Amino acid sequence: MEIRHLESLIAISEHGSFSAAARALGTVQSNVSAHISRLEKELGASLVDRQSGELTEDGVLVVERARRIIHELQDIEADIHSTDTEVAGETRLGCIGTTGRWLMPRLLTAIQKAHPQVRPIIHEGSTSSLLPRLIAGELDAAIVHFPIDDPELQLVPLFSEELVLLVNNKHPWAKLETISLAELATQPLLLAPRNTALRRIIDRAAGAQRLAFTPQAEIDGVRLLTSLAFEGFGPAIVPATAIPAWIKGDFTRVSIPQLPRRVVGWASRKRPVPNKPTRAALEIARQVVAKTGDRQPGVNTSLTPSPLV
């Protein structure tokens, strides 16, 4: 089994055909076909449907492992090219959008200053979309919303932040400074989907008071959730950093004292050990958060645990 054979299979999975895979790899289609045929012969299984260009079930399994092998080789190269003081190579980082808005400009600047040979590759997404990619080996680490219950992941809390109610100024709740969970339960709300980390915090707090919230809509994406509330579609429970301090508009933030704070942190796989660029990025992220986190509305870097989180 050769690395180039695995690279051809990965390219087909990403580009959908032999010809497109060949173009992406900078080779000819006959080479890609030969690589796949040799791989199939060695494994004794069909990996690609020649009619549709789609992977078979066996092909999907092989691609998942092939990606990890390729990434491990890249990590070996990054570690070998790094020294104790000079770190070089790629780190593939995921980040939720609300945190990325304020943290990424500072983090990337600090990485560039400390380790100019490190090349971060940033992927934005929700916690529910980033975690599967992290577990599959497509990402080296991700800044996501805790809690996370996965024994295969190493978790480092970075900061906590308030959860607030965001309402259009035309809504009666816009006149309030604070609101109780009991009052929130009287009207439909814009909420994150069930079983997401954000929704679990909200539902546990409500359940502790024998309350249940009625979703007006469930949105897997805090920035879209926030935008809908901005436009007056309905009141939404969102993290404080979803509302940048510089945004002005026809909306109001209402405090929800009975909701615990959400924790945002760094997640990476325990095995294999993250490469040196990723480990360096974590240390810099911790420094940046410690230095600038408390300047963000609703953010606290002291990380006092909440019994409901």
C-alpha atoms as a PDB file:
ATOM      1  CA  MET A   1       0.000   0.000   0.000  1.00  0.00           C
ATOM      2  CA  GLU A   2       1.467   3.336  -1.061  1.00  0.00           C
ATOM      3  CA  ILE A   3       0.695   6.816   0.194  1.00  0.00           C
ATOM      4  CA  ARG A   4      -0.097   8.033  -3.319  1.00  0.00           C
ATOM      5  CA  HIS A   5      -2.781   5.338  -3.607  1.00  0.00           C
ATOM      6  CA  LEU A   6      -4.451   6.635  -0.452  1.00  0.00           C
ATOM      7  CA  GLU A   7      -4.125  10.219  -1.688  1.00  0.00           C
ATOM      8  CA  SER A   8      -5.932   9.270  -4.892  1.00  0.00           C
ATOM      9  CA  LEU A   9      -8.795   7.698  -2.956  1.00  0.00           C
ATOM     10  CA  ILE A  10      -9.089  10.771  -0.725  1.00  0.00           C
ATOM     11  CA  ALA A  11      -9.117  13.026  -3.792  1.00  0.00           C
ATOM     12  CA  ILE A  12     -11.964  11.024  -5.361  1.00  0.00           C
ATOM     13  CA  SER A  13     -13.979  11.295  -2.146  1.00  0.00           C
ATOM     14  CA  GLU A  14     -13.458  15.059  -2.065  1.00  0.00           C
ATOM     15  CA  HIS A  15     -13.931  15.855  -5.752  1.00  0.00           C
ATOM     16  CA  GLY A  16     -16.467  13.239  -6.855  1.00  0.00           C
ATOM     17  CA  SER A  17     -14.825  11.701  -9.917  1.00  0.00           C
ATOM     18  CA  PHE A  18     -11.590  10.231 -11.241  1.00  0.00           C
ATOM     19  CA  SER A  19     -11.040  13.131 -13.630  1.00  0.00           C
ATOM     20  CA  ALA A  20     -11.608  15.796 -10.977  1.00  0.00           C
ATOM     21  CA  ALA A  21      -9.340  13.923  -8.569  1.00  0.00           C
ATOM     22  CA  ALA A  22      -6.609  13.806 -11.209  1.00  0.00           C
ATOM     23  CA  ARG A  23      -6.839  17.559 -11.763  1.00  0.00           C
ATOM     24  CA  ALA A  24      -6.649  18.209  -8.025  1.00  0.00           C
ATOM     25  CA  LEU A  25      -3.566  15.995  -7.727  1.00  0.00           C
ATOM     26  CA  GLY A  26      -1.902  17.469 -10.807  1.00  0.00           C
ATOM     27  CA  THR A  27      -1.763  14.156 -12.655  1.00  0.00           C
ATOM     28  CA  VAL A  28      -3.702  12.270 -15.338  1.00  0.00           C
ATOM     29  CA  GLN A  29      -6.842  10.197 -14.877  1.00  0.00           C
ATOM     30  CA  SER A  30      -5.129   6.956 -15.864  1.00  0.00           C
ATOM     31  CA  ASN A  31      -2.730   7.311 -12.930  1.00  0.00           C
ATOM     32  CA  VAL A  32      -5.591   7.778 -10.480  1.00  0.00           C
ATOM     33  CA  SER A  33      -7.412   4.764 -11.943  1.00  0.00           C
ATOM     34  CA  ALA A  34      -4.267   2.662 -11.631  1.00  0.00           C
ATOM     35  CA  HIS A  35      -3.758   3.718  -8.008  1.00  0.00           C
ATOM     36  CA  ILE A  36      -7.314   2.776  -7.073  1.00  0.00           C
ATOM     37  CA  SER A  37      -7.144  -0.552  -8.906  1.00  0.00           C
ATOM     38  CA  ARG A  38      -3.930  -1.496  -7.092  1.00  0.00           C
ATOM     39  CA  LEU A  39      -5.402  -0.481  -3.757  1.00  0.00           C
ATOM     40  CA  GLU A  40      -8.579  -2.493  -4.399  1.00  0.00           C
ATOM     41  CA  LYS A  41      -6.548  -5.533  -5.451  1.00  0.00           C
ATOM     42  CA  GLU A  42      -4.386  -5.325  -2.334  1.00  0.00           C
ATOM     43  CA  LEU A  43      -7.384  -4.956  -0.004  1.00  0.00           C
ATOM     44  CA  GLY A  44      -9.616  -7.388  -1.882  1.00  0.00           C
ATOM     45  CA  ALA A  45     -12.535  -4.969  -1.932  1.00  0.00           C
ATOM     46  CA  SER A  46     -14.253  -2.532  -4.287  1.00  0.00           C
ATOM     47  CA  LEU A  47     -13.674   1.018  -3.042  1.00  0.00           C
ATOM     48  CA  VAL A  48     -15.204   3.197  -5.775  1.00  0.00           C
ATOM     49  CA  ASP A  49     -18.368   2.746  -7.849  1.00  0.00           C
ATOM     50  CA  ARG A  50     -17.076   3.207 -11.390  1.00  0.00           C
ATOM     51  CA  GLN A  51     -20.493   4.376 -12.653  1.00  0.00           C
ATOM     52  CA  SER A  52     -21.249   7.098 -10.112  1.00  0.00           C
ATOM     53  CA  GLY A  53     -17.762   7.893  -8.841  1.00  0.00           C
ATOM     54  CA  GLU A  54     -19.042   7.524  -5.279  1.00  0.00           C
ATOM     55  CA  LEU A  55     -17.223   5.551  -2.619  1.00  0.00           C
ATOM     56  CA  THR A  56     -18.557   2.175  -1.576  1.00  0.00           C
ATOM     57  CA  GLU A  57     -19.082   1.387   2.109  1.00  0.00           C
ATOM     58  CA  ASP A  58     -15.600  -0.125   2.199  1.00  0.00           C
ATOM     59  CA  GLY A  59     -14.254   2.941   0.432  1.00  0.00           C
ATOM     60  CA  VAL A  60     -15.698   5.243   3.089  1.00  0.00           C
ATOM     61  CA  LEU A  61     -14.029   3.201   5.835  1.00  0.00           C
ATOM     62  CA  VAL A  62     -10.677   3.261   4.054  1.00  0.00           C
ATOM     63  CA  VAL A  63     -10.853   7.016   3.420  1.00  0.00           C
ATOM     64  CA  GLU A  64     -11.453   7.748   7.104  1.00  0.00           C
ATOM     65  CA  ARG A  65      -8.290   5.881   8.049  1.00  0.00           C
ATOM     66  CA  ALA A  66      -6.369   7.216   5.051  1.00  0.00           C
ATOM     67  CA  ARG A  67      -6.988  10.804   6.150  1.00  0.00           C
ATOM     68  CA  ARG A  68      -5.596  10.015   9.575  1.00  0.00           C
ATOM     69  CA  ILE A  69      -2.512   8.405   8.044  1.00  0.00           C
ATOM     70  CA  ILE A  70      -1.860  11.421   5.808  1.00  0.00           C
ATOM     71  CA  HIS A  71      -2.360  13.823   8.701  1.00  0.00           C
ATOM     72  CA  GLU A  72      -0.007  11.769  10.887  1.00  0.00           C
ATOM     73  CA  LEU A  73       2.678  11.988   8.204  1.00  0.00           C
ATOM     74  CA  GLN A  74       2.178  15.751   8.026  1.00  0.00           C
ATOM     75  CA  ASP A  75       2.462  15.955  11.818  1.00  0.00           C
ATOM     76  CA  ILE A  76       5.691  13.958  11.772  1.00  0.00           C
ATOM     77  CA  GLU A  77       7.120  16.395   9.250  1.00  0.00           C
ATOM     78  CA  ALA A  78       5.969  19.383  11.327  1.00  0.00           C
ATOM     79  CA  ASP A  79       7.509  17.958  14.502  1.00  0.00           C
ATOM     80  CA  ILE A  80      10.820  17.106  12.838  1.00  0.00           C
ATOM     81  CA  HIS A  81      11.080  20.581  11.312  1.00  0.00           C
ATOM     82  CA  SER A  82      10.390  22.169  14.697  1.00  0.00           C
ATOM     83  CA  THR A  83      12.877  22.690  17.505  1.00  0.00           C
ATOM     84  CA  ASP A  84      12.345  23.639  21.126  1.00  0.00           C
ATOM     85  CA  THR A  85      12.335  27.338  20.253  1.00  0.00           C
ATOM     86  CA  GLU A  86      11.352  27.388  16.572  1.00  0.00           C
ATOM     87  CA  VAL A  87       8.055  25.761  15.635  1.00  0.00           C
ATOM     88  CA  ALA A  88       7.095  25.177  12.003  1.00  0.00           C
ATOM     89  CA  GLY A  89       4.278  23.512  10.089  1.00  0.00           C
ATOM     90  CA  GLU A  90       0.493  23.496   9.767  1.00  0.00           C
ATOM     91  CA  THR A  91      -2.152  23.381  12.453  1.00  0.00           C
ATOM     92  CA  ARG A  92      -5.783  22.860  11.462  1.00  0.00           C
ATOM     93  CA  LEU A  93      -7.981  24.630  13.987  1.00  0.00           C
ATOM     94  CA  GLY A  94     -11.769  24.734  14.236  1.00  0.00           C
ATOM     95  CA  CYS A  95     -13.519  27.578  16.022  1.00  0.00           C
ATOM     96  CA  ILE A  96     -17.106  28.505  16.822  1.00  0.00           C
ATOM     97  CA  GLY A  97     -18.086  31.769  15.162  1.00  0.00           C
ATOM     98  CA  THR A  98     -18.961  33.800  18.247  1.00  0.00           C
ATOM     99  CA  THR A  99     -15.536  33.197  19.768  1.00  0.00           C
ATOM    100  CA  GLY A 100     -13.684  33.444  16.473  1.00  0.00           C
ATOM    101  CA  ARG A 101     -14.994  36.957  15.903  1.00  0.00           C
ATOM    102  CA  TRP A 102     -12.973  38.413  18.780  1.00  0.00           C
ATOM    103  CA  LEU A 103     -10.333  35.752  19.503  1.00  0.00           C
ATOM    104  CA  MET A 104      -9.025  34.799  16.056  1.00  0.00           C
ATOM    105  CA  PRO A 105      -7.574  38.207  15.054  1.00  0.00           C
ATOM    106  CA  ARG A 106      -5.636  38.302  18.326  1.00  0.00           C
ATOM    107  CA  LEU A 107      -4.664  34.622  18.245  1.00  0.00           C
ATOM    108  CA  LEU A 108      -3.404  34.656  14.660  1.00  0.00           C
ATOM    109  CA  THR A 109      -1.410  37.834  15.286  1.00  0.00           C
ATOM    110  CA  ALA A 110       0.192  36.298  18.381  1.00  0.00           C
ATOM    111  CA  ILE A 111       1.002  33.023  16.576  1.00  0.00           C
ATOM    112  CA  GLN A 112       2.585  34.900  13.692  1.00  0.00           C
ATOM    113  CA  LYS A 113       4.693  36.950  16.094  1.00  0.00           C
ATOM    114  CA  ALA A 114       5.825  34.003  18.238  1.00  0.00           C
ATOM    115  CA  HIS A 115       6.153  31.352  15.513  1.00  0.00           C
ATOM    116  CA  PRO A 116       6.275  32.871  12.012  1.00  0.00           C
ATOM    117  CA  GLN A 117       6.837  29.437  10.437  1.00  0.00           C
ATOM    118  CA  VAL A 118       3.514  28.094  11.725  1.00  0.00           C
ATOM    119  CA  ARG A 119       0.647  28.176   9.225  1.00  0.00           C
ATOM    120  CA  PRO A 120      -2.792  28.030  10.896  1.00  0.00           C
ATOM    121  CA  ILE A 121      -5.683  26.719   8.792  1.00  0.00           C
ATOM    122  CA  ILE A 122      -8.931  27.921  10.360  1.00  0.00           C
ATOM    123  CA  HIS A 123     -12.328  26.249   9.965  1.00  0.00           C
ATOM    124  CA  GLU A 124     -15.410  28.004  11.344  1.00  0.00           C
ATOM    125  CA  GLY A 125     -18.446  26.025  12.435  1.00  0.00           C
ATOM    126  CA  SER A 126     -20.776  25.126  15.257  1.00  0.00           C
ATOM    127  CA  THR A 127     -19.675  22.832  18.068  1.00  0.00           C
ATOM    128  CA  SER A 128     -21.899  20.066  16.681  1.00  0.00           C
ATOM    129  CA  SER A 129     -20.259  20.330  13.242  1.00  0.00           C
ATOM    130  CA  LEU A 130     -16.653  20.738  14.423  1.00  0.00           C
ATOM    131  CA  LEU A 131     -16.467  17.862  16.920  1.00  0.00           C
ATOM    132  CA  PRO A 132     -17.055  15.057  14.363  1.00  0.00           C
ATOM    133  CA  ARG A 133     -14.324  16.552  12.179  1.00  0.00           C
ATOM    134  CA  LEU A 134     -11.970  16.694  15.153  1.00  0.00           C
ATOM    135  CA  ILE A 135     -12.682  13.086  16.110  1.00  0.00           C
ATOM    136  CA  ALA A 136     -12.245  11.984  12.472  1.00  0.00           C
ATOM    137  CA  GLY A 137      -8.816  13.622  12.335  1.00  0.00           C
ATOM    138  CA  GLU A 138      -9.760  16.380   9.896  1.00  0.00           C
ATOM    139  CA  LEU A 139      -8.910  18.992  12.546  1.00  0.00           C
ATOM    140  CA  ASP A 140      -5.992  19.094  14.968  1.00  0.00           C
ATOM    141  CA  ALA A 141      -7.940  21.007  17.616  1.00  0.00           C
ATOM    142  CA  ALA A 142     -11.117  23.043  18.006  1.00  0.00           C
ATOM    143  CA  ILE A 143     -12.298  25.904  20.184  1.00  0.00           C
ATOM    144  CA  VAL A 144     -15.817  24.822  21.080  1.00  0.00           C
ATOM    145  CA  HIS A 145     -18.598  25.018  23.618  1.00  0.00           C
ATOM    146  CA  PHE A 146     -18.348  22.744  26.645  1.00  0.00           C
ATOM    147  CA  PRO A 147     -19.519  20.430  28.164  1.00  0.00           C
ATOM    148  CA  ILE A 148     -18.216  17.606  25.985  1.00  0.00           C
ATOM    149  CA  ASP A 149     -18.477  13.990  27.053  1.00  0.00           C
ATOM    150  CA  ASP A 150     -15.896  12.089  25.015  1.00  0.00           C
ATOM    151  CA  PRO A 151     -13.083  10.130  26.697  1.00  0.00           C
ATOM    152  CA  GLU A 152     -10.979  10.336  23.527  1.00  0.00           C
ATOM    153  CA  LEU A 153     -10.654  14.121  23.748  1.00  0.00           C
ATOM    154  CA  GLN A 154      -8.357  16.302  25.824  1.00  0.00           C
ATOM    155  CA  LEU A 155     -10.274  19.362  27.070  1.00  0.00           C
ATOM    156  CA  VAL A 156      -8.833  22.670  28.284  1.00  0.00           C
ATOM    157  CA  PRO A 157     -11.331  25.340  29.471  1.00  0.00           C
ATOM    158  CA  LEU A 158     -10.470  28.850  28.254  1.00  0.00           C
ATOM    159  CA  PHE A 159     -13.234  31.143  29.543  1.00  0.00           C
ATOM    160  CA  SER A 160     -16.883  31.352  30.522  1.00  0.00           C
ATOM    161  CA  GLU A 161     -19.525  33.771  29.307  1.00  0.00           C
ATOM    162  CA  GLU A 162     -23.048  34.855  30.134  1.00  0.00           C
ATOM    163  CA  LEU A 163     -26.106  33.616  28.318  1.00  0.00           C
ATOM    164  CA  VAL A 164     -28.472  36.503  27.611  1.00  0.00           C
ATOM    165  CA  LEU A 165     -31.857  37.097  26.032  1.00  0.00           C
ATOM    166  CA  LEU A 166     -31.693  39.059  22.788  1.00  0.00           C
ATOM    167  CA  VAL A 167     -34.937  40.788  21.804  1.00  0.00           C
ATOM    168  CA  ASN A 168     -36.031  43.343  19.274  1.00  0.00           C
ATOM    169  CA  ASN A 169     -36.953  46.663  20.895  1.00  0.00           C
ATOM    170  CA  LYS A 170     -40.574  46.239  19.802  1.00  0.00           C
ATOM    171  CA  HIS A 171     -40.950  43.204  22.059  1.00  0.00           C
ATOM    172  CA  PRO A 172     -42.403  43.810  25.563  1.00  0.00           C
ATOM    173  CA  TRP A 173     -39.402  42.068  27.147  1.00  0.00           C
ATOM    174  CA  ALA A 174     -37.102  44.771  25.767  1.00  0.00           C
ATOM    175  CA  LYS A 175     -38.148  46.993  28.685  1.00  0.00           C
ATOM    176  CA  LEU A 176     -36.686  44.538  31.217  1.00  0.00           C
ATOM    177  CA  GLU A 177     -33.200  44.522  32.706  1.00  0.00           C
ATOM    178  CA  THR A 178     -33.476  40.911  33.890  1.00  0.00           C
ATOM    179  CA  ILE A 179     -35.883  38.064  33.213  1.00  0.00           C
ATOM    180  CA  SER A 180     -36.665  34.830  35.062  1.00  0.00           C
ATOM    181  CA  LEU A 181     -36.779  31.348  33.578  1.00  0.00           C
ATOM    182  CA  ALA A 182     -40.448  31.120  34.546  1.00  0.00           C
ATOM    183  CA  GLU A 183     -41.261  34.175  32.455  1.00  0.00           C
ATOM    184  CA  LEU A 184     -39.188  32.879  29.534  1.00  0.00           C
ATOM    185  CA  ALA A 185     -41.294  29.709  29.599  1.00  0.00           C
ATOM    186  CA  THR A 186     -44.459  31.702  28.846  1.00  0.00           C
ATOM    187  CA  GLN A 187     -43.567  32.433  25.204  1.00  0.00           C
ATOM    188  CA  PRO A 188     -41.937  30.566  22.291  1.00  0.00           C
ATOM    189  CA  LEU A 189     -38.205  31.208  21.938  1.00  0.00           C
ATOM    190  CA  LEU A 190     -35.509  30.908  19.295  1.00  0.00           C
ATOM    191  CA  LEU A 191     -33.220  28.179  20.640  1.00  0.00           C
ATOM    192  CA  ALA A 192     -30.265  26.040  19.694  1.00  0.00           C
ATOM    193  CA  PRO A 193     -31.261  22.460  18.721  1.00  0.00           C
ATOM    194  CA  ARG A 194     -31.793  19.796  21.354  1.00  0.00           C
ATOM    195  CA  ASN A 195     -28.692  17.870  22.419  1.00  0.00           C
ATOM    196  CA  THR A 196     -26.326  20.688  21.473  1.00  0.00           C
ATOM    197  CA  ALA A 197     -24.083  21.926  24.275  1.00  0.00           C
ATOM    198  CA  LEU A 198     -25.813  25.315  24.449  1.00  0.00           C
ATOM    199  CA  ARG A 199     -29.286  23.793  24.558  1.00  0.00           C
ATOM    200  CA  ARG A 200     -28.305  21.306  27.253  1.00  0.00           C
ATOM    201  CA  ILE A 201     -27.294  24.156  29.566  1.00  0.00           C
ATOM    202  CA  ILE A 202     -30.612  25.914  28.955  1.00  0.00           C
ATOM    203  CA  ASP A 203     -32.780  22.799  29.319  1.00  0.00           C
ATOM    204  CA  ARG A 204     -31.021  21.630  32.482  1.00  0.00           C
ATOM    205  CA  ALA A 205     -31.539  25.002  34.131  1.00  0.00           C
ATOM    206  CA  ALA A 206     -35.213  24.969  33.135  1.00  0.00           C
ATOM    207  CA  GLY A 207     -35.653  21.355  34.215  1.00  0.00           C
ATOM    208  CA  ALA A 208     -34.216  22.136  37.641  1.00  0.00           C
ATOM    209  CA  GLN A 209     -37.225  24.440  38.109  1.00  0.00           C
ATOM    210  CA  ARG A 210     -39.638  21.992  36.459  1.00  0.00           C
ATOM    211  CA  LEU A 211     -39.993  24.275  33.471  1.00  0.00           C
ATOM    212  CA  ALA A 212     -39.831  23.588  29.748  1.00  0.00           C
ATOM    213  CA  PHE A 213     -39.227  26.078  26.956  1.00  0.00           C
ATOM    214  CA  THR A 214     -41.227  26.059  23.727  1.00  0.00           C
ATOM    215  CA  PRO A 215     -39.057  26.505  20.613  1.00  0.00           C
ATOM    216  CA  GLN A 216     -40.353  28.936  18.020  1.00  0.00           C
ATOM    217  CA  ALA A 217     -37.525  27.571  15.883  1.00  0.00           C
ATOM    218  CA  GLU A 218     -34.335  25.604  16.531  1.00  0.00           C
ATOM    219  CA  ILE A 219     -31.220  27.000  14.857  1.00  0.00           C
ATOM    220  CA  ASP A 220     -27.856  25.191  14.763  1.00  0.00           C
ATOM    221  CA  GLY A 221     -25.692  28.272  14.401  1.00  0.00           C
ATOM    222  CA  VAL A 222     -25.437  31.021  16.983  1.00  0.00           C
ATOM    223  CA  ARG A 223     -24.765  33.772  14.478  1.00  0.00           C
ATOM    224  CA  LEU A 224     -27.912  32.923  12.491  1.00  0.00           C
ATOM    225  CA  LEU A 225     -29.839  32.614  15.753  1.00  0.00           C
ATOM    226  CA  THR A 226     -28.639  36.096  16.684  1.00  0.00           C
ATOM    227  CA  SER A 227     -29.467  37.552  13.272  1.00  0.00           C
ATOM    228  CA  LEU A 228     -33.054  36.291  13.471  1.00  0.00           C
ATOM    229  CA  ALA A 229     -33.457  37.920  16.882  1.00  0.00           C
ATOM    230  CA  PHE A 230     -31.957  41.163  15.549  1.00  0.00           C
ATOM    231  CA  GLU A 231     -34.604  41.175  12.821  1.00  0.00           C
ATOM    232  CA  GLY A 232     -37.439  40.673  15.301  1.00  0.00           C
ATOM    233  CA  PHE A 233     -38.343  37.104  14.320  1.00  0.00           C
ATOM    234  CA  GLY A 234     -38.410  36.195  18.000  1.00  0.00           C
ATOM    235  CA  PRO A 235     -36.521  36.419  21.289  1.00  0.00           C
ATOM    236  CA  ALA A 236     -33.385  34.262  21.431  1.00  0.00           C
ATOM    237  CA  ILE A 237     -31.131  32.941  24.182  1.00  0.00           C
ATOM    238  CA  VAL A 238     -27.554  33.457  22.990  1.00  0.00           C
ATOM    239  CA  PRO A 239     -24.026  33.755  24.403  1.00  0.00           C
ATOM    240  CA  ALA A 240     -22.989  37.302  25.251  1.00  0.00           C
ATOM    241  CA  THR A 241     -20.202  37.301  22.644  1.00  0.00           C
ATOM    242  CA  ALA A 242     -22.768  36.662  19.912  1.00  0.00           C
ATOM    243  CA  ILE A 243     -23.551  40.377  20.208  1.00  0.00           C
ATOM    244  CA  PRO A 244     -20.414  42.391  19.385  1.00  0.00           C
ATOM    245  CA  ALA A 245     -20.001  45.555  21.454  1.00  0.00           C
ATOM    246  CA  TRP A 246     -19.697  47.676  18.313  1.00  0.00           C
ATOM    247  CA  ILE A 247     -23.050  46.585  16.834  1.00  0.00           C
ATOM    248  CA  LYS A 248     -25.813  49.160  17.162  1.00  0.00           C
ATOM    249  CA  GLY A 249     -29.403  48.390  16.311  1.00  0.00           C
ATOM    250  CA  ASP A 250     -33.023  48.093  17.352  1.00  0.00           C
ATOM    251  CA  PHE A 251     -32.420  45.388  19.962  1.00  0.00           C
ATOM    252  CA  THR A 252     -31.864  44.897  23.689  1.00  0.00           C
ATOM    253  CA  ARG A 253     -29.828  42.455  25.794  1.00  0.00           C
ATOM    254  CA  VAL A 254     -31.703  41.185  28.835  1.00  0.00           C
ATOM    255  CA  SER A 255     -29.839  39.416  31.639  1.00  0.00           C
ATOM    256  CA  ILE A 256     -30.958  35.908  32.710  1.00  0.00           C
ATOM    257  CA  PRO A 257     -29.491  35.519  36.225  1.00  0.00           C
ATOM    258  CA  GLN A 258     -30.855  31.982  36.677  1.00  0.00           C
ATOM    259  CA  LEU A 259     -28.918  30.600  33.708  1.00  0.00           C
ATOM    260  CA  PRO A 260     -25.376  29.321  34.322  1.00  0.00           C
ATOM    261  CA  ARG A 261     -22.541  30.639  32.202  1.00  0.00           C
ATOM    262  CA  ARG A 262     -21.366  28.597  29.251  1.00  0.00           C
ATOM    263  CA  VAL A 263     -17.753  27.439  29.111  1.00  0.00           C
ATOM    264  CA  VAL A 264     -15.706  27.667  25.915  1.00  0.00           C
ATOM    265  CA  GLY A 265     -12.524  25.665  25.628  1.00  0.00           C
ATOM    266  CA  TRP A 266      -9.900  23.902  23.554  1.00  0.00           C
ATOM    267  CA  ALA A 267     -10.498  20.307  22.459  1.00  0.00           C
ATOM    268  CA  SER A 268      -7.946  17.986  20.871  1.00  0.00           C
ATOM    269  CA  ARG A 269      -7.536  14.227  20.508  1.00  0.00           C
ATOM    270  CA  LYS A 270      -5.560  12.408  23.201  1.00  0.00           C
ATOM    271  CA  ARG A 271      -4.187  10.008  20.584  1.00  0.00           C
ATOM    272  CA  PRO A 272      -2.322  10.739  18.472  1.00  0.00           C
ATOM    273  CA  VAL A 273      -0.631  13.525  20.405  1.00  0.00           C
ATOM    274  CA  PRO A 274      -1.161  16.912  18.657  1.00  0.00           C
ATOM    275  CA  ASN A 275       1.799  18.163  16.638  1.00  0.00           C
ATOM    276  CA  LYS A 276       4.082  20.933  17.885  1.00  0.00           C
ATOM    277  CA  PRO A 277       2.329  23.753  15.966  1.00  0.00           C
ATOM    278  CA  THR A 278      -0.986  22.746  17.575  1.00  0.00           C
ATOM    279  CA  ARG A 279       0.518  22.534  21.048  1.00  0.00           C
ATOM    280  CA  ALA A 280       2.114  25.941  20.544  1.00  0.00           C
ATOM    281  CA  ALA A 281      -1.215  27.380  19.365  1.00  0.00           C
ATOM    282  CA  LEU A 282      -2.917  26.163  22.557  1.00  0.00           C
ATOM    283  CA  GLU A 283      -0.370  27.878  24.795  1.00  0.00           C
ATOM    284  CA  ILE A 284      -0.736  31.110  22.849  1.00  0.00           C
ATOM    285  CA  ALA A 285      -4.541  30.860  22.952  1.00  0.00           C
ATOM    286  CA  ARG A 286      -4.422  30.568  26.736  1.00  0.00           C
ATOM    287  CA  GLN A 287      -2.173  33.623  26.955  1.00  0.00           C
ATOM    288  CA  VAL A 288      -4.364  35.688  24.616  1.00  0.00           C
ATOM    289  CA  VAL A 289      -7.550  34.793  26.501  1.00  0.00           C
ATOM    290  CA  ALA A 290      -5.936  35.583  29.862  1.00  0.00           C
ATOM    291  CA  LYS A 291      -4.788  38.965  28.561  1.00  0.00           C
ATOM    292  CA  THR A 292      -7.836  40.114  26.582  1.00  0.00           C
ATOM    293  CA  GLY A 293     -10.792  37.870  27.447  1.00  0.00           C
ATOM    294  CA  ASP A 294     -12.179  39.962  30.293  1.00  0.00           C
ATOM    295  CA  ARG A 295     -12.469  42.938  27.927  1.00  0.00           C
ATOM    296  CA  GLN A 296     -15.199  41.148  25.972  1.00  0.00           C
ATOM    297  CA  PRO A 297     -18.817  41.746  27.081  1.00  0.00           C
ATOM    298  CA  GLY A 298     -19.991  38.965  29.383  1.00  0.00           C
ATOM    299  CA  VAL A 299     -16.678  37.055  29.347  1.00  0.00           C
ATOM    300  CA  ASN A 300     -14.915  35.898  32.500  1.00  0.00           C
ATOM    301  CA  THR A 301     -11.576  34.086  32.502  1.00  0.00           C
ATOM    302  CA  SER A 302     -11.754  32.936  36.137  1.00  0.00           C
ATOM    303  CA  LEU A 303     -13.855  29.893  35.157  1.00  0.00           C
ATOM    304  CA  THR A 304     -15.820  29.309  38.344  1.00  0.00           C
ATOM    305  CA  PRO A 305     -17.609  25.997  37.649  1.00  0.00           C
ATOM    306  CA  SER A 306     -21.395  25.876  37.594  1.00  0.00           C
ATOM    307  CA  PRO A 307     -23.191  22.801  38.984  1.00  0.00           C
ATOM    308  CA  LEU A 308     -25.540  22.792  35.983  1.00  0.00           C
ATOM    309  CA  VAL A 309     -22.877  22.788  33.260  1.00  0.00           C
END
